[in-house]
Protein backbone atom coordinates (compact mmCIF):
# COMPACT_ATOMS: atom_id res chain seq x y z
CA MET A 1 -108.55 -75.29 -69.70
CA ILE A 2 -111.66 -74.83 -71.83
CA GLU A 3 -113.77 -74.19 -68.72
CA ALA A 4 -111.18 -71.68 -67.49
CA LEU A 5 -111.29 -69.84 -70.82
CA LYS A 6 -115.09 -69.77 -70.75
CA LYS A 7 -114.97 -68.33 -67.23
CA VAL A 8 -112.51 -65.67 -68.38
CA GLY A 9 -114.97 -64.68 -71.10
CA ARG A 10 -118.04 -64.72 -68.83
CA ASP A 11 -116.30 -62.68 -66.15
CA LYS A 12 -115.37 -60.07 -68.75
CA TYR A 13 -111.65 -60.27 -68.13
CA PRO A 14 -110.28 -60.36 -71.66
CA LEU A 15 -107.69 -62.89 -72.64
CA CYS A 16 -105.00 -61.79 -75.04
CA ARG A 17 -102.77 -64.13 -77.02
CA ILE A 18 -99.72 -62.76 -78.79
CA GLU A 19 -97.55 -64.71 -81.15
CA SER A 20 -94.80 -63.83 -83.55
CA ILE A 21 -95.77 -66.55 -85.98
CA GLY A 22 -97.24 -66.29 -89.44
CA PHE A 23 -100.69 -65.09 -90.36
CA VAL A 24 -101.83 -68.52 -91.58
CA PHE A 25 -101.25 -70.14 -88.20
CA MET A 26 -102.74 -67.13 -86.42
CA SER A 27 -105.88 -67.52 -88.54
CA PHE A 28 -106.03 -71.21 -87.61
CA ILE A 29 -105.87 -70.34 -83.91
CA PHE A 30 -108.60 -67.73 -84.38
CA GLU A 31 -110.87 -70.20 -86.20
CA SER A 32 -110.27 -72.81 -83.47
CA PHE A 33 -111.27 -70.35 -80.73
CA THR A 34 -114.27 -69.18 -82.74
CA GLN A 35 -115.50 -72.79 -83.03
CA LEU A 36 -114.71 -73.51 -79.38
CA PHE A 37 -116.84 -70.61 -78.18
CA PHE A 38 -119.65 -70.98 -80.71
CA GLY A 39 -122.97 -70.45 -78.91
CA VAL A 40 -121.27 -69.04 -75.80
CA ASP A 41 -121.42 -65.34 -74.96
CA VAL A 42 -117.68 -64.84 -75.58
CA GLY A 43 -116.41 -62.46 -78.26
CA VAL A 44 -113.30 -63.63 -80.11
CA SER A 45 -111.37 -61.31 -82.45
CA LEU A 46 -108.19 -61.43 -84.52
CA LEU A 47 -105.94 -58.37 -84.79
CA THR A 48 -102.88 -58.36 -87.03
CA CYS A 49 -101.07 -55.77 -89.12
CA SER A 50 -103.24 -56.78 -92.10
CA THR A 51 -106.55 -56.14 -90.29
CA ARG A 52 -108.49 -53.50 -92.23
CA LYS A 53 -108.96 -50.08 -90.63
CA LYS A 54 -112.74 -50.36 -90.11
CA GLU A 55 -112.46 -53.81 -88.50
CA ARG A 56 -109.52 -52.60 -86.41
CA GLU A 57 -111.64 -49.71 -85.09
CA GLU A 58 -114.48 -52.12 -84.26
CA ILE A 59 -112.06 -54.35 -82.36
CA HIS A 60 -110.64 -51.39 -80.42
CA ALA A 61 -114.16 -50.30 -79.46
CA GLY A 62 -115.08 -53.89 -78.53
CA LEU A 63 -112.06 -54.16 -76.24
CA LEU A 64 -113.13 -51.07 -74.32
CA SER A 65 -116.82 -51.99 -74.18
CA GLY A 66 -116.24 -55.62 -73.19
CA LYS A 67 -117.69 -57.03 -76.41
CA VAL A 68 -114.30 -58.58 -77.28
CA ASN A 69 -113.33 -61.08 -74.58
CA ILE A 70 -110.54 -62.96 -76.36
CA LEU A 71 -108.14 -61.15 -78.66
CA ILE A 72 -105.68 -63.13 -80.74
CA GLY A 73 -102.93 -61.33 -82.59
CA THR A 74 -99.32 -60.52 -83.24
CA HIS A 75 -97.07 -57.65 -82.16
CA THR A 76 -99.95 -55.39 -83.22
CA LEU A 77 -101.48 -55.92 -79.77
CA ILE A 78 -98.63 -54.02 -78.16
CA GLU A 79 -99.38 -50.80 -80.10
CA ASP A 80 -100.42 -47.82 -77.98
CA VAL A 81 -103.82 -47.54 -79.65
CA VAL A 82 -104.83 -51.01 -78.40
CA ARG A 83 -106.47 -50.59 -74.98
CA PHE A 84 -108.30 -53.08 -72.79
CA ARG A 85 -111.13 -52.40 -70.37
CA ASN A 86 -109.74 -54.94 -67.94
CA LEU A 87 -107.05 -57.26 -69.30
CA GLY A 88 -107.08 -60.46 -67.27
CA PHE A 89 -104.82 -63.02 -68.93
CA VAL A 90 -102.10 -62.89 -71.58
CA VAL A 91 -100.52 -65.82 -73.42
CA ILE A 92 -97.27 -65.00 -75.19
CA ASP A 93 -95.88 -67.68 -77.47
CA GLU A 94 -92.36 -67.60 -78.85
CA GLN A 95 -91.44 -65.25 -76.02
CA HIS A 96 -87.83 -65.00 -77.16
CA ARG A 97 -89.08 -62.70 -79.96
CA PHE A 98 -90.46 -60.20 -77.45
CA GLY A 99 -88.37 -57.91 -75.31
CA VAL A 100 -88.97 -57.28 -71.64
CA VAL A 101 -90.13 -53.75 -72.42
CA GLN A 102 -92.68 -55.03 -74.96
CA ARG A 103 -94.14 -57.47 -72.43
CA ALA A 104 -94.20 -54.77 -69.75
CA ARG A 105 -96.25 -52.55 -72.06
CA LEU A 106 -99.08 -55.08 -71.75
CA TRP A 107 -99.16 -54.58 -67.99
CA GLU A 108 -99.73 -50.87 -68.57
CA LYS A 109 -102.82 -51.55 -70.69
CA SER A 110 -105.00 -52.47 -67.71
CA SER A 111 -105.75 -51.05 -64.29
CA HIS A 112 -104.49 -54.30 -62.75
CA PRO A 113 -101.51 -56.27 -64.12
CA PRO A 114 -102.81 -59.31 -66.04
CA HIS A 115 -101.81 -62.89 -65.39
CA MET A 116 -99.26 -63.98 -67.99
CA LEU A 117 -98.30 -67.30 -69.52
CA VAL A 118 -95.04 -66.99 -71.44
CA MET A 119 -93.97 -69.86 -73.66
CA THR A 120 -91.10 -70.55 -75.98
CA ALA A 121 -90.61 -72.95 -78.84
CA PRO A 122 -88.75 -76.16 -78.02
CA PRO A 123 -85.20 -76.26 -79.34
CA ILE A 124 -85.84 -79.35 -81.48
CA PRO A 125 -84.46 -77.95 -84.78
CA ARG A 126 -81.35 -76.73 -83.02
CA THR A 127 -80.91 -80.06 -81.25
CA LEU A 128 -81.32 -82.03 -84.45
CA ALA A 129 -78.70 -79.87 -86.17
CA MET A 130 -76.17 -80.78 -83.48
């Protein structure tokens, strides 16, 4: 999978990961990707509702220029202002928190529909409660 992610970055087809989980975990994922791609020509950015305006503008510009290859974030990525030069792959975690219309909006953000991996949390807490 690491080699596939590196290829995504080198080929300039941005990868986008959306989760509905908390900021602390999102920051952990961002730091993990940053370390994973250290020394490789792959730009990794984090976009959440708490991202400052100036950084947000830099990320938006980087998405269009190809400087940002991997974008990790929350529902913020679905906003109209977020545009991709050529979105190649989307990972949506906790998909039950996203509607069909929200996921479809991602397809509209690129000239070609991106590949999508949609995951959901295992029902372990619910099972244990039974």
